[in-house]
Amino acid sequence: MDRKKSEYVEVMQNKIAEIHKSAEEKKAMIEAQKGEEILKVEETAAKFRTRGYQPRRLLGCFSGLRFFS
């Protein structure tokens, strides 16, 4: 009885370890993707800054609303 219980505990611990490992891998992939996105945005912002680009309107998402008229 104790042997079966210890085998079952070992199997469950292995499963838990496998789940944690896959979660860490997924987390690392997501962090890498975020880093790439941030780098891409920074490069785009640098291009706009070097060209002297000025946005046409401030807060374009509120263009339909007449708060700033």
N, C-alpha and C. Protein backbone atom coordinates (compact mmCIF):
# COMPACT_ATOMS: atom_id res chain seq x y z
N MET A 1 0.83 -1.20 0.00
CA MET A 1 0.00 0.00 0.00
C MET A 1 0.87 1.26 0.00
N ASP A 2 1.88 1.29 0.87
CA ASP A 2 2.76 2.46 0.92
C ASP A 2 3.56 2.62 -0.36
N ARG A 3 3.93 1.51 -0.96
CA ARG A 3 4.70 1.57 -2.20
C ARG A 3 3.86 2.17 -3.33
N LYS A 4 2.61 1.75 -3.44
CA LYS A 4 1.73 2.30 -4.48
C LYS A 4 1.50 3.79 -4.26
N LYS A 5 1.34 4.15 -3.00
CA LYS A 5 1.13 5.56 -2.67
C LYS A 5 2.36 6.39 -3.04
N SER A 6 3.53 5.89 -2.73
CA SER A 6 4.75 6.63 -3.05
C SER A 6 4.97 6.71 -4.56
N GLU A 7 4.60 5.66 -5.30
CA GLU A 7 4.70 5.69 -6.77
C GLU A 7 3.74 6.73 -7.34
N TYR A 8 2.53 6.76 -6.80
CA TYR A 8 1.54 7.73 -7.26
C TYR A 8 2.01 9.15 -6.98
N VAL A 9 2.57 9.38 -5.81
CA VAL A 9 3.08 10.71 -5.46
C VAL A 9 4.19 11.11 -6.41
N GLU A 10 5.05 10.18 -6.74
CA GLU A 10 6.15 10.48 -7.67
C GLU A 10 5.63 10.83 -9.06
N VAL A 11 4.63 10.09 -9.52
CA VAL A 11 4.03 10.36 -10.83
C VAL A 11 3.40 11.75 -10.84
N MET A 12 2.67 12.08 -9.80
CA MET A 12 2.02 13.40 -9.72
C MET A 12 3.06 14.52 -9.65
N GLN A 13 4.14 14.31 -8.91
CA GLN A 13 5.19 15.33 -8.83
C GLN A 13 5.84 15.54 -10.19
N ASN A 14 6.02 14.46 -10.95
CA ASN A 14 6.58 14.58 -12.30
C ASN A 14 5.65 15.38 -13.21
N LYS A 15 4.34 15.11 -13.08
CA LYS A 15 3.37 15.85 -13.89
C LYS A 15 3.39 17.34 -13.54
N ILE A 16 3.45 17.63 -12.25
CA ILE A 16 3.48 19.02 -11.81
C ILE A 16 4.73 19.70 -12.33
N ALA A 17 5.87 19.01 -12.25
CA ALA A 17 7.12 19.58 -12.75
C ALA A 17 7.04 19.85 -14.25
N GLU A 18 6.41 18.95 -14.98
CA GLU A 18 6.27 19.12 -16.43
C GLU A 18 5.39 20.33 -16.75
N ILE A 19 4.33 20.49 -16.00
CA ILE A 19 3.43 21.64 -16.20
C ILE A 19 4.16 22.95 -15.91
N HIS A 20 4.91 22.98 -14.82
CA HIS A 20 5.67 24.18 -14.48
C HIS A 20 6.71 24.50 -15.55
N LYS A 21 7.34 23.48 -16.07
CA LYS A 21 8.35 23.69 -17.12
C LYS A 21 7.71 24.29 -18.37
N SER A 22 6.58 23.75 -18.79
CA SER A 22 5.92 24.27 -19.98
C SER A 22 5.42 25.70 -19.74
N ALA A 23 4.97 25.99 -18.53
CA ALA A 23 4.51 27.34 -18.22
C ALA A 23 5.68 28.32 -18.28
N GLU A 24 6.83 27.93 -17.77
CA GLU A 24 8.01 28.80 -17.82
C GLU A 24 8.44 29.05 -19.25
N GLU A 25 8.36 28.02 -20.09
CA GLU A 25 8.73 28.18 -21.50
C GLU A 25 7.78 29.15 -22.20
N LYS A 26 6.48 29.01 -21.93
CA LYS A 26 5.50 29.92 -22.54
C LYS A 26 5.72 31.35 -22.06
N LYS A 27 6.01 31.50 -20.78
CA LYS A 27 6.26 32.82 -20.21
C LYS A 27 7.48 33.46 -20.88
N ALA A 28 8.52 32.67 -21.08
CA ALA A 28 9.74 33.19 -21.73
C ALA A 28 9.45 33.60 -23.17
N MET A 29 8.63 32.83 -23.87
CA MET A 29 8.29 33.18 -25.25
C MET A 29 7.51 34.48 -25.30
N ILE A 30 6.57 34.66 -24.40
CA ILE A 30 5.76 35.88 -24.37
C ILE A 30 6.63 37.08 -24.04
N GLU A 31 7.55 36.93 -23.09
CA GLU A 31 8.44 38.03 -22.75
C GLU A 31 9.33 38.40 -23.94
N ALA A 32 9.78 37.41 -24.69
CA ALA A 32 10.61 37.68 -25.86
C ALA A 32 9.79 38.43 -26.92
N GLN A 33 8.54 38.03 -27.12
CA GLN A 33 7.69 38.71 -28.09
C GLN A 33 7.44 40.16 -27.67
N LYS A 34 7.20 40.38 -26.38
CA LYS A 34 6.99 41.75 -25.91
C LYS A 34 8.24 42.59 -26.12
N GLY A 35 9.39 42.01 -25.86
CA GLY A 35 10.64 42.73 -26.08
C GLY A 35 10.82 43.11 -27.53
N GLU A 36 10.48 42.20 -28.45
CA GLU A 36 10.57 42.49 -29.88
C GLU A 36 9.60 43.60 -30.26
N GLU A 37 8.39 43.57 -29.71
CA GLU A 37 7.41 44.61 -30.02
C GLU A 37 7.88 45.97 -29.52
N ILE A 38 8.43 46.00 -28.33
CA ILE A 38 8.91 47.26 -27.77
C ILE A 38 10.05 47.80 -28.62
N LEU A 39 10.95 46.93 -29.04
CA LEU A 39 12.06 47.35 -29.88
C LEU A 39 11.55 47.92 -31.20
N LYS A 40 10.56 47.27 -31.79
CA LYS A 40 9.98 47.72 -33.06
C LYS A 40 9.34 49.10 -32.90
N VAL A 41 8.61 49.31 -31.82
CA VAL A 41 7.97 50.60 -31.57
C VAL A 41 9.02 51.68 -31.35
N GLU A 42 10.07 51.35 -30.61
CA GLU A 42 11.13 52.33 -30.38
C GLU A 42 11.82 52.71 -31.67
N GLU A 43 12.05 51.74 -32.56
CA GLU A 43 12.66 52.04 -33.86
C GLU A 43 11.76 52.95 -34.69
N THR A 44 10.46 52.66 -34.69
CA THR A 44 9.51 53.49 -35.44
C THR A 44 9.48 54.90 -34.87
N ALA A 45 9.48 55.01 -33.55
CA ALA A 45 9.47 56.33 -32.92
C ALA A 45 10.74 57.10 -33.27
N ALA A 46 11.86 56.42 -33.31
CA ALA A 46 13.12 57.08 -33.66
C ALA A 46 13.07 57.59 -35.10
N LYS A 47 12.48 56.82 -36.00
CA LYS A 47 12.35 57.26 -37.39
C LYS A 47 11.51 58.53 -37.47
N PHE A 48 10.38 58.55 -36.74
CA PHE A 48 9.52 59.73 -36.76
C PHE A 48 10.25 60.94 -36.18
N ARG A 49 11.01 60.72 -35.12
CA ARG A 49 11.73 61.84 -34.49
C ARG A 49 12.78 62.40 -35.42
N THR A 50 13.50 61.54 -36.14
CA THR A 50 14.55 62.02 -37.03
C THR A 50 13.97 62.78 -38.21
N ARG A 51 12.78 62.43 -38.64
CA ARG A 51 12.14 63.12 -39.75
C ARG A 51 11.44 64.40 -39.32
N GLY A 52 11.31 64.60 -38.02
CA GLY A 52 10.63 65.79 -37.53
C GLY A 52 9.12 65.71 -37.69
N TYR A 53 8.57 64.53 -37.67
CA TYR A 53 7.14 64.34 -37.85
C TYR A 53 6.38 64.86 -36.64
N GLN A 54 5.34 65.64 -36.91
CA GLN A 54 4.46 66.13 -35.87
C GLN A 54 3.06 65.57 -36.12
N PRO A 55 2.41 65.04 -35.11
CA PRO A 55 1.06 64.52 -35.31
C PRO A 55 0.10 65.63 -35.72
N ARG A 56 -0.83 65.32 -36.58
CA ARG A 56 -1.76 66.33 -37.09
C ARG A 56 -2.76 66.79 -36.04
N ARG A 57 -3.20 65.86 -35.21
CA ARG A 57 -4.12 66.25 -34.16
C ARG A 57 -3.76 65.55 -32.86
N LEU A 58 -4.10 66.19 -31.81
CA LEU A 58 -3.84 65.65 -30.49
C LEU A 58 -5.02 64.80 -30.06
N LEU A 59 -4.76 63.66 -29.51
CA LEU A 59 -5.80 62.74 -29.03
C LEU A 59 -6.77 62.38 -30.16
N GLY A 60 -6.25 61.74 -31.18
CA GLY A 60 -7.05 61.37 -32.34
C GLY A 60 -8.18 60.42 -32.03
N CYS A 61 -8.08 59.70 -30.93
CA CYS A 61 -9.15 58.77 -30.60
C CYS A 61 -10.41 59.50 -30.16
N PHE A 62 -10.28 60.78 -29.82
CA PHE A 62 -11.43 61.58 -29.41
C PHE A 62 -11.87 62.54 -30.51
N SER A 63 -11.50 62.25 -31.75
CA SER A 63 -11.78 63.18 -32.84
C SER A 63 -13.28 63.39 -33.07
N GLY A 64 -14.09 62.38 -32.79
CA GLY A 64 -15.53 62.51 -32.99
C GLY A 64 -16.20 63.33 -31.90
N LEU A 65 -15.56 63.46 -30.78
CA LEU A 65 -16.11 64.20 -29.66
C LEU A 65 -15.66 65.66 -29.74
N ARG A 66 -16.48 66.56 -29.29
CA ARG A 66 -16.18 68.00 -29.42
C ARG A 66 -15.78 68.61 -28.07
N PHE A 67 -14.88 67.95 -27.34
CA PHE A 67 -14.44 68.51 -26.08
C PHE A 67 -13.45 69.65 -26.27
N PHE A 68 -12.64 69.58 -27.31
CA PHE A 68 -11.53 70.52 -27.47
C PHE A 68 -11.81 71.59 -28.51
N SER A 69 -13.05 71.78 -28.89
CA SER A 69 -13.37 72.77 -29.93
C SER A 69 -13.49 74.15 -29.37
